[in-house]
């Protein structure tokens, strides 16, 4: 990973230059071409540019990679070639060399991994935006996963974000043309400030483990504090399948439905009762374990909800989807917009669209088929409208995005869920 600001800027600038050159060439190739030919040129240019952007963000890691992961969710505003290429950043980033990570471990812990563990795998199990995970066995014989932060990540964040804001213009993603993309950059900045301190993630993991201790269908890994620090996090190793591997086994419809129901139940437990959301929506943060259990991973992004927010969300589910007057009364009660807001009507309409579209499934005793791609596209498009209108209070955005992240997971599972039965358990204090 390039560590200096100059080197990282050079990598982004080189990618930007490639994109600019390729885009200009594409425009020349379209001169005098038929509509079909122009469409093929645009598609090929988008695909090549998306690959260039993905490779650059993946190599830089840190804020750059985190931004790429968020951009992959912007299906309502980016061409499919971009979201398809960037989605690979959710699965696994390019790993760091084992020797470099070993030195980073020593700088942080004061000893080398082989001095602290009975065994330690130099090849990573997974690599993500801020660090990579290595398998190990403790001196007492417990199998663990050791997350080691990439060297220089904290120093690179500020410069990365400055570079990214400048480089987005090169990719024809100006703030005016793609405000939701720029909002994603702003969100990355906020999130990374919390996520680079693994001690905070350890605190969150321990809190979730305590709060969910009574559920035998959910597993939260135990933190090994004595083998953790600000930049090293050692957790109990959970053995299970990520979504792709789970689906490759061709699970039955009943199995897929049951797991999706568990995940939706967990979402409402967190948001309506516990007031604490495991808020990173991408599939890599869930493991499907033997016996129908679900493992939760990565507690770097956790969002708290106070009593007023929980009351609002609970109240929404009591309203029939066609009861516009009741929904508007809730907007007024919880001040989603002010009477003198110039975008008041647009905000009201967007909220009503979201609520009507989403609430129906929670007022129907029949299973809802999440395999319906049109439903997910519509909800995702409305989320994009929220961002453009400034309906972006952190609690509200995290809530909606986490829910849509689950819906996307359910869509890939082609799951059917009795949503009314699930939410009913949490509609009273």
Protein backbone atom coordinates (compact mmCIF):
# COMPACT_ATOMS: atom_id res chain seq x y z
CA UNK A 1 0.00 0.00 0.00
CA UNK A 2 1.35 3.39 -0.97
CA UNK A 3 1.72 5.22 2.33
CA UNK A 4 2.70 8.81 1.50
CA UNK A 5 0.18 11.37 0.37
CA UNK A 6 2.19 11.98 -2.80
CA UNK A 7 2.29 8.30 -3.70
CA UNK A 8 -1.41 7.81 -2.98
CA UNK A 9 -2.34 10.92 -4.95
CA UNK A 10 -0.17 9.66 -7.81
CA UNK A 11 -2.08 6.37 -7.85
CA UNK A 12 -5.44 8.13 -7.97
CA UNK A 13 -4.19 10.66 -10.51
CA UNK A 14 -2.91 7.90 -12.76
CA UNK A 15 -6.30 6.20 -12.59
CA UNK A 16 -8.00 9.51 -13.29
CA UNK A 17 -5.77 10.13 -16.29
CA UNK A 18 -6.61 6.70 -17.68
CA UNK A 19 -10.32 7.36 -17.25
CA UNK A 20 -10.12 10.81 -18.84
CA UNK A 21 -8.16 9.49 -21.82
CA UNK A 22 -10.45 6.49 -22.30
CA UNK A 23 -13.56 8.68 -22.03
CA UNK A 24 -12.23 11.17 -24.58
CA UNK A 25 -11.40 8.33 -26.97
CA UNK A 26 -14.90 6.95 -26.48
CA UNK A 27 -16.40 10.28 -27.49
CA UNK A 28 -14.35 10.29 -30.69
CA UNK A 29 -15.44 6.74 -31.51
CA UNK A 30 -19.08 7.77 -31.20
CA UNK A 31 -18.84 10.58 -33.75
CA UNK A 32 -21.11 9.67 -36.67
CA UNK A 33 -21.88 6.24 -35.18
CA UNK A 34 -25.31 4.61 -35.07
CA UNK A 35 -27.29 4.57 -31.82
CA UNK A 36 -26.44 0.88 -31.32
CA UNK A 37 -22.74 1.54 -31.89
CA UNK A 38 -22.80 4.49 -29.47
CA UNK A 39 -24.44 2.33 -26.80
CA UNK A 40 -21.76 -0.36 -27.22
CA UNK A 41 -18.98 2.22 -26.94
CA UNK A 42 -20.53 3.69 -23.78
CA UNK A 43 -20.90 0.24 -22.24
CA UNK A 44 -17.30 -0.73 -23.02
CA UNK A 45 -15.98 2.59 -21.71
CA UNK A 46 -17.96 2.29 -18.48
CA UNK A 47 -16.76 -1.26 -17.94
CA UNK A 48 -13.09 -0.37 -18.48
CA UNK A 49 -13.31 2.78 -16.34
CA UNK A 50 -15.07 0.87 -13.56
CA UNK A 51 -12.26 -1.69 -13.54
CA UNK A 52 -9.64 1.08 -13.34
CA UNK A 53 -11.45 2.77 -10.44
CA UNK A 54 -11.97 -0.50 -8.57
CA UNK A 55 -8.32 -1.54 -8.88
CA UNK A 56 -7.10 1.88 -7.70
CA UNK A 57 -9.42 2.04 -4.66
CA UNK A 58 -8.72 -1.58 -3.76
CA UNK A 59 -4.95 -1.09 -3.84
CA UNK A 60 -5.07 2.06 -1.70
CA UNK A 61 -7.32 0.53 0.97
CA UNK A 62 -8.29 2.76 3.91
CA UNK A 63 -10.67 5.61 3.09
CA UNK A 64 -10.34 4.90 -0.63
CA UNK A 65 -11.47 1.29 -0.30
CA UNK A 66 -14.24 2.16 2.15
CA UNK A 67 -15.54 4.70 -0.36
CA UNK A 68 -15.49 2.04 -3.07
CA UNK A 69 -17.59 -0.26 -0.89
CA UNK A 70 -20.15 2.50 -0.33
CA UNK A 71 -20.20 3.44 -4.01
CA UNK A 72 -21.01 -0.19 -4.81
CA UNK A 73 -24.35 0.37 -3.07
CA UNK A 74 -25.23 3.39 -5.24
CA UNK A 75 -27.14 1.40 -7.85
CA UNK A 76 -29.64 4.23 -8.21
CA UNK A 77 -27.01 6.75 -9.39
CA UNK A 78 -24.07 4.89 -10.93
CA UNK A 79 -23.98 2.82 -14.14
CA UNK A 80 -24.28 -0.90 -13.51
CA UNK A 81 -20.71 -1.47 -14.71
CA UNK A 82 -19.44 0.58 -11.77
CA UNK A 83 -21.60 -1.01 -9.08
CA UNK A 84 -20.85 -4.49 -10.43
CA UNK A 85 -17.07 -3.94 -10.43
CA UNK A 86 -17.01 -2.13 -7.09
CA UNK A 87 -19.09 -4.84 -5.41
CA UNK A 88 -15.99 -7.06 -5.53
CA UNK A 89 -14.48 -4.79 -2.85
CA UNK A 90 -17.05 -6.14 -0.37
CA UNK A 91 -15.75 -9.68 -0.71
CA UNK A 92 -12.05 -9.19 -0.20
CA UNK A 93 -9.48 -6.51 -0.83
CA UNK A 94 -5.97 -7.27 -2.11
CA UNK A 95 -3.97 -8.49 0.94
CA UNK A 96 -0.81 -6.96 2.36
CA UNK A 97 2.44 -8.93 2.33
CA UNK A 98 2.75 -11.18 5.37
CA UNK A 99 6.12 -9.77 6.42
CA UNK A 100 4.79 -6.21 6.49
CA UNK A 101 1.79 -7.24 8.58
CA UNK A 102 4.07 -9.18 10.94
CA UNK A 103 6.11 -6.00 11.52
CA UNK A 104 2.91 -4.00 12.07
CA UNK A 105 1.80 -6.55 14.67
CA UNK A 106 5.14 -6.23 16.46
CA UNK A 107 4.97 -2.43 16.47
CA UNK A 108 1.56 -2.56 18.07
CA UNK A 109 1.87 -5.50 20.48
CA UNK A 110 5.60 -5.37 21.27
CA UNK A 111 6.07 -9.01 20.28
CA UNK A 112 5.77 -11.03 17.06
CA UNK A 113 2.66 -13.15 16.44
CA UNK A 114 4.52 -16.45 16.89
CA UNK A 115 5.58 -15.29 20.35
CA UNK A 116 1.99 -14.73 21.47
CA UNK A 117 0.13 -17.52 19.66
CA UNK A 118 0.61 -21.27 19.51
CA UNK A 119 0.22 -20.95 15.74
CA UNK A 120 -0.40 -18.04 13.38
CA UNK A 121 -1.31 -18.16 9.68
CA UNK A 122 0.78 -15.73 7.66
CA UNK A 123 -1.66 -15.88 4.73
CA UNK A 124 -4.74 -13.79 5.57
CA UNK A 125 -8.21 -15.29 5.79
CA UNK A 126 -9.68 -12.03 4.52
CA UNK A 127 -8.60 -8.50 3.68
CA UNK A 128 -10.78 -5.43 4.08
CA UNK A 129 -10.54 -1.65 3.95
CA UNK A 130 -8.68 -0.98 7.21
CA UNK A 131 -6.94 -4.26 7.95
CA UNK A 132 -6.72 -7.96 7.22
CA UNK A 133 -7.61 -11.02 9.24
CA UNK A 134 -5.30 -13.92 10.06
CA UNK A 135 -6.22 -17.25 11.58
CA UNK A 136 -4.42 -18.25 14.78
CA UNK A 137 -4.57 -20.56 17.78
CA UNK A 138 -4.03 -19.20 21.29
CA UNK A 139 -1.64 -20.74 23.81
CA UNK A 140 -4.70 -22.26 25.50
CA UNK A 141 -5.81 -23.92 22.24
CA UNK A 142 -8.64 -21.60 21.17
CA UNK A 143 -9.05 -20.83 17.47
CA UNK A 144 -9.18 -17.10 16.86
CA UNK A 145 -9.29 -14.49 14.10
CA UNK A 146 -6.70 -11.71 14.41
CA UNK A 147 -7.45 -8.44 12.63
CA UNK A 148 -4.34 -6.30 12.06
CA UNK A 149 -4.70 -2.73 10.85
CA UNK A 150 -2.72 -1.70 7.79
CA UNK A 151 0.34 0.46 8.55
CA UNK A 152 -0.22 4.19 8.22
CA UNK A 153 -4.00 3.98 7.78
CA UNK A 154 -4.77 6.79 10.22
CA UNK A 155 -2.24 9.11 8.59
CA UNK A 156 -3.58 8.36 5.14
CA UNK A 157 -7.27 9.00 5.85
CA UNK A 158 -7.26 12.81 5.72
CA UNK A 159 -5.09 12.93 2.61
CA UNK A 160 -7.10 10.16 0.93
CA UNK A 161 -10.35 12.01 1.42
CA UNK A 162 -8.87 15.27 0.11
CA UNK A 163 -7.47 13.39 -2.89
CA UNK A 164 -10.75 11.57 -3.49
CA UNK A 165 -12.80 14.74 -3.50
CA UNK A 166 -10.48 16.18 -6.10
CA UNK A 167 -10.34 13.03 -8.20
CA UNK A 168 -14.11 12.45 -8.31
CA UNK A 169 -14.35 15.35 -10.74
CA UNK A 170 -12.11 13.42 -13.11
CA UNK A 171 -14.55 10.52 -13.02
CA UNK A 172 -17.41 12.85 -14.03
CA UNK A 173 -18.84 12.51 -10.50
CA UNK A 174 -19.02 16.16 -9.44
CA UNK A 175 -21.00 17.13 -6.34
CA UNK A 176 -23.61 18.72 -8.61
CA UNK A 177 -24.01 15.62 -10.80
CA UNK A 178 -23.78 13.01 -8.04
CA UNK A 179 -24.55 14.57 -4.63
CA UNK A 180 -25.26 11.15 -3.08
CA UNK A 181 -21.75 10.02 -4.00
CA UNK A 182 -20.30 13.07 -2.24
CA UNK A 183 -22.53 12.34 0.74
CA UNK A 184 -20.94 8.89 0.77
CA UNK A 185 -17.51 10.52 0.95
CA UNK A 186 -18.67 12.63 3.90
CA UNK A 187 -20.02 9.50 5.58
CA UNK A 188 -16.73 7.68 5.05
CA UNK A 189 -14.93 10.49 6.85
CA UNK A 190 -17.26 10.23 9.85
CA UNK A 191 -17.17 6.44 10.02
CA UNK A 192 -13.45 6.00 9.66
CA UNK A 193 -12.74 8.29 12.58
CA UNK A 194 -14.46 5.70 14.78
CA UNK A 195 -13.40 2.53 12.97
CA UNK A 196 -9.63 3.01 13.11
CA UNK A 197 -9.65 2.45 16.89
CA UNK A 198 -10.12 -1.28 17.36
CA UNK A 199 -10.62 -0.77 21.09
CA UNK A 200 -13.96 0.84 20.31
CA UNK A 201 -14.88 -2.08 18.08
CA UNK A 202 -13.94 -4.47 20.92
CA UNK A 203 -16.24 -2.53 23.26
CA UNK A 204 -19.10 -2.78 20.77
CA UNK A 205 -18.56 -6.50 20.21
CA UNK A 206 -18.61 -7.16 23.94
CA UNK A 207 -21.77 -5.09 24.36
CA UNK A 208 -23.57 -6.95 21.56
CA UNK A 209 -22.41 -10.28 22.97
CA UNK A 210 -23.91 -9.32 26.33
CA UNK A 211 -27.17 -7.98 24.88
CA UNK A 212 -27.71 -11.03 22.64
CA UNK A 213 -26.59 -13.63 25.17
CA UNK A 214 -30.16 -14.90 25.52
CA UNK A 215 -30.49 -15.80 21.82
CA UNK A 216 -29.25 -19.22 20.85
CA UNK A 217 -29.73 -18.48 17.12
CA UNK A 218 -27.13 -15.67 17.05
CA UNK A 219 -23.39 -15.89 17.72
CA UNK A 220 -21.18 -12.91 18.58
CA UNK A 221 -17.45 -13.72 18.82
CA UNK A 222 -15.72 -13.32 22.18
CA UNK A 223 -13.05 -10.62 22.39
CA UNK A 224 -9.57 -11.64 23.60
CA UNK A 225 -8.58 -8.38 25.27
CA UNK A 226 -5.13 -9.60 26.26
CA UNK A 227 -4.37 -10.15 22.57
CA UNK A 228 -5.89 -6.90 21.34
CA UNK A 229 -4.94 -3.23 21.19
CA UNK A 230 -5.75 -0.06 19.27
CA UNK A 231 -4.66 -1.60 15.95
CA UNK A 232 -4.93 -5.34 16.63
CA UNK A 233 -8.20 -7.11 17.43
CA UNK A 234 -8.35 -10.80 18.37
CA UNK A 235 -11.76 -12.47 18.34
CA UNK A 236 -13.11 -15.96 18.73
CA UNK A 237 -13.18 -17.61 15.31
CA UNK A 238 -16.63 -18.50 14.00
CA UNK A 239 -16.79 -21.19 11.34
CA UNK A 240 -19.53 -20.72 8.80
CA UNK A 241 -20.35 -19.64 5.27
CA UNK A 242 -20.59 -16.16 3.86
CA UNK A 243 -23.58 -15.56 1.61
CA UNK A 244 -22.03 -16.72 -1.67
CA UNK A 245 -20.81 -20.01 -0.18
CA UNK A 246 -24.13 -20.51 1.60
CA UNK A 247 -26.11 -20.09 -1.62
CA UNK A 248 -23.69 -22.32 -3.52
CA UNK A 249 -24.85 -25.21 -1.31
CA UNK A 250 -28.33 -24.71 -2.75
CA UNK A 251 -30.19 -24.44 0.57
CA UNK A 252 -33.90 -25.22 0.57
CA UNK A 253 -36.54 -22.51 0.42
CA UNK A 254 -37.50 -23.25 4.02
CA UNK A 255 -33.88 -22.85 5.16
CA UNK A 256 -33.49 -19.54 3.33
CA UNK A 257 -36.82 -18.27 4.66
CA UNK A 258 -35.95 -19.20 8.25
CA UNK A 259 -32.57 -17.45 8.18
CA UNK A 260 -34.01 -14.30 6.59
CA UNK A 261 -36.74 -14.27 9.25
CA UNK A 262 -34.06 -14.51 11.96
CA UNK A 263 -32.12 -11.60 10.45
CA UNK A 264 -35.21 -9.40 10.19
CA UNK A 265 -36.16 -10.28 13.77
CA UNK A 266 -32.66 -9.32 14.90
CA UNK A 267 -32.94 -5.99 13.05
CA UNK A 268 -36.14 -5.07 14.91
CA UNK A 269 -34.77 -6.29 18.22
CA UNK A 270 -31.79 -3.98 17.78
CA UNK A 271 -33.63 -0.92 16.46
CA UNK A 272 -36.93 -1.02 18.37
CA UNK A 273 -35.94 -2.58 21.68
CA UNK A 274 -32.19 -2.46 22.31
CA UNK A 275 -31.60 0.89 20.60
CA UNK A 276 -28.28 -0.30 19.18
CA UNK A 277 -27.84 -1.25 15.53
CA UNK A 278 -25.15 -3.40 13.92
CA UNK A 279 -25.14 -0.84 11.14
CA UNK A 280 -22.81 -2.00 8.34
CA UNK A 281 -25.18 -3.53 5.78
CA UNK A 282 -22.95 -5.54 3.46
CA UNK A 283 -23.18 -9.37 3.31
CA UNK A 284 -19.60 -9.97 4.46
CA UNK A 285 -20.62 -9.13 8.02
CA UNK A 286 -22.83 -12.18 8.41
CA UNK A 287 -21.89 -15.84 8.67
CA UNK A 288 -24.34 -18.70 8.24
CA UNK A 289 -23.34 -21.25 10.87
CA UNK A 290 -24.29 -24.92 11.29
CA UNK A 291 -27.63 -25.56 12.96
CA UNK A 292 -29.33 -22.49 11.48
CA UNK A 293 -27.39 -19.99 13.57
CA UNK A 294 -26.17 -16.59 12.35
CA UNK A 295 -22.76 -15.15 13.21
CA UNK A 296 -22.26 -11.39 13.41
CA UNK A 297 -18.91 -9.93 12.35
CA UNK A 298 -17.30 -6.48 12.26
CA UNK A 299 -18.58 -4.12 14.94
CA UNK A 300 -16.69 -1.10 13.67
CA UNK A 301 -19.93 0.59 12.59
CA UNK A 302 -22.52 0.62 15.39
CA UNK A 303 -25.31 3.18 15.72
CA UNK A 304 -27.31 3.97 18.84
CA UNK A 305 -30.98 5.02 18.80
CA UNK A 306 -32.50 7.01 21.64
CA UNK A 307 -36.03 6.50 22.98
CA UNK A 308 -37.55 9.19 20.73
CA UNK A 309 -36.17 7.58 17.57
CA UNK A 310 -37.38 4.15 18.64
CA UNK A 311 -40.79 5.62 19.40
CA UNK A 312 -41.00 7.16 15.93
CA UNK A 313 -40.07 3.99 14.09
CA UNK A 314 -42.43 1.95 16.24
CA UNK A 315 -45.27 4.39 15.54
CA UNK A 316 -44.74 4.14 11.76
CA UNK A 317 -45.51 0.40 11.80
CA UNK A 318 -48.82 1.04 13.56
CA UNK A 319 -50.01 3.15 10.60
CA UNK A 320 -51.73 1.52 7.64
CA UNK A 321 -49.73 2.17 4.43
CA UNK A 322 -52.58 4.15 2.82
CA UNK A 323 -53.22 6.42 5.80
CA UNK A 324 -51.53 9.55 4.51
CA UNK A 325 -52.96 11.80 7.22
CA UNK A 326 -51.49 9.64 10.00
CA UNK A 327 -48.10 9.48 8.30
CA UNK A 328 -48.00 13.24 7.79
CA UNK A 329 -48.91 13.72 11.45
CA UNK A 330 -45.88 11.59 12.38
CA UNK A 331 -43.63 13.72 10.15
CA UNK A 332 -44.86 16.84 11.94
CA UNK A 333 -44.50 15.27 15.38
CA UNK A 334 -40.94 14.16 14.79
CA UNK A 335 -39.91 17.23 12.72
CA UNK A 336 -38.59 15.64 9.54
CA UNK A 337 -38.95 19.02 7.87
CA UNK A 338 -40.05 22.52 8.84
CA UNK A 339 -42.95 24.51 7.49
CA UNK A 340 -40.60 27.02 5.81
CA UNK A 341 -38.30 24.37 4.29
CA UNK A 342 -38.15 25.12 0.52
CA UNK A 343 -37.95 21.37 -0.15
CA UNK A 344 -40.74 20.51 2.27
CA UNK A 345 -43.12 19.07 -0.33
CA UNK A 346 -40.42 17.01 -2.02
CA UNK A 347 -39.28 15.61 1.34
CA UNK A 348 -42.85 14.83 2.33
CA UNK A 349 -43.51 13.03 -0.94
CA UNK A 350 -40.29 11.00 -0.71
CA UNK A 351 -41.08 9.91 2.86
CA UNK A 352 -44.62 8.95 1.90
CA UNK A 353 -43.34 6.96 -1.09
CA UNK A 354 -40.90 5.06 1.12
CA UNK A 355 -43.44 4.40 3.84
CA UNK A 356 -46.22 3.28 1.51
CA UNK A 357 -43.93 0.98 -0.41
CA UNK A 358 -42.28 -0.53 2.65
CA UNK A 359 -45.19 -0.62 5.11
CA UNK A 360 -47.47 -2.80 3.02
CA UNK A 361 -45.48 -5.97 3.73
CA UNK A 362 -45.83 -5.35 7.48
CA UNK A 363 -49.62 -5.22 7.24
CA UNK A 364 -50.03 -8.44 5.27
CA UNK A 365 -50.25 -11.86 6.93
CA UNK A 366 -48.86 -13.53 3.81
CA UNK A 367 -45.13 -14.09 3.26
CA UNK A 368 -43.44 -11.29 1.32
CA UNK A 369 -41.31 -12.45 -1.62
CA UNK A 370 -38.00 -10.57 -1.45
CA UNK A 371 -37.03 -12.10 -4.78
CA UNK A 372 -38.94 -9.21 -6.40
CA UNK A 373 -36.16 -7.08 -7.89
CA UNK A 374 -38.49 -4.20 -8.79
CA UNK A 375 -39.41 -3.68 -5.14
CA UNK A 376 -35.76 -3.38 -4.09
CA UNK A 377 -34.94 -1.05 -7.00
CA UNK A 378 -37.79 1.25 -6.06
CA UNK A 379 -36.78 1.45 -2.41
CA UNK A 380 -33.13 2.02 -3.31
CA UNK A 381 -34.13 4.81 -5.69
CA UNK A 382 -36.11 6.50 -2.93
CA UNK A 383 -33.09 6.26 -0.65
CA UNK A 384 -31.13 8.13 -3.31
CA UNK A 385 -33.82 10.81 -3.30
CA UNK A 386 -33.49 11.10 0.49
CA UNK A 387 -29.79 11.84 0.14
CA UNK A 388 -30.32 14.40 -2.59
CA UNK A 389 -32.98 16.21 -0.56
CA UNK A 390 -30.91 16.27 2.58
CA UNK A 391 -33.04 13.79 4.54
CA UNK A 392 -29.81 12.56 6.00
CA UNK A 393 -29.90 12.67 9.79
CA UNK A 394 -27.38 9.98 10.83
CA UNK A 395 -29.89 7.88 12.75
CA UNK A 396 -32.46 7.90 9.95
CA UNK A 397 -29.96 7.13 7.19
CA UNK A 398 -28.29 4.32 9.14
CA UNK A 399 -31.70 2.82 9.93
CA UNK A 400 -32.96 2.91 6.35
CA UNK A 401 -29.68 1.82 4.80
CA UNK A 402 -29.26 -1.08 7.20
CA UNK A 403 -32.80 -2.22 6.43
CA UNK A 404 -32.22 -1.94 2.68
CA UNK A 405 -28.96 -3.82 3.12
CA UNK A 406 -30.92 -6.67 4.69
CA UNK A 407 -33.52 -6.52 1.94
CA UNK A 408 -30.71 -6.85 -0.60
CA UNK A 409 -29.43 -9.89 1.27
CA UNK A 410 -32.93 -11.39 1.30
CA UNK A 411 -33.24 -10.68 -2.42
CA UNK A 412 -30.10 -12.68 -3.15
CA UNK A 413 -31.47 -15.47 -0.95
CA UNK A 414 -34.84 -15.30 -2.78
CA UNK A 415 -36.34 -15.48 0.69
CA UNK A 416 -39.99 -15.21 1.68
CA UNK A 417 -40.73 -13.72 5.10
CA UNK A 418 -43.90 -13.14 7.12
CA UNK A 419 -42.89 -9.57 7.95
CA UNK A 420 -46.08 -8.81 9.87
CA UNK A 421 -45.39 -11.60 12.35
CA UNK A 422 -41.79 -10.46 12.86
CA UNK A 423 -42.41 -6.77 13.60
CA UNK A 424 -45.48 -7.45 15.78
CA UNK A 425 -43.23 -8.69 18.61
CA UNK A 426 -41.56 -5.29 18.91
CA UNK A 427 -44.40 -2.80 18.52
CA UNK A 428 -44.94 -2.34 22.24
CA UNK A 429 -42.36 -1.07 24.75
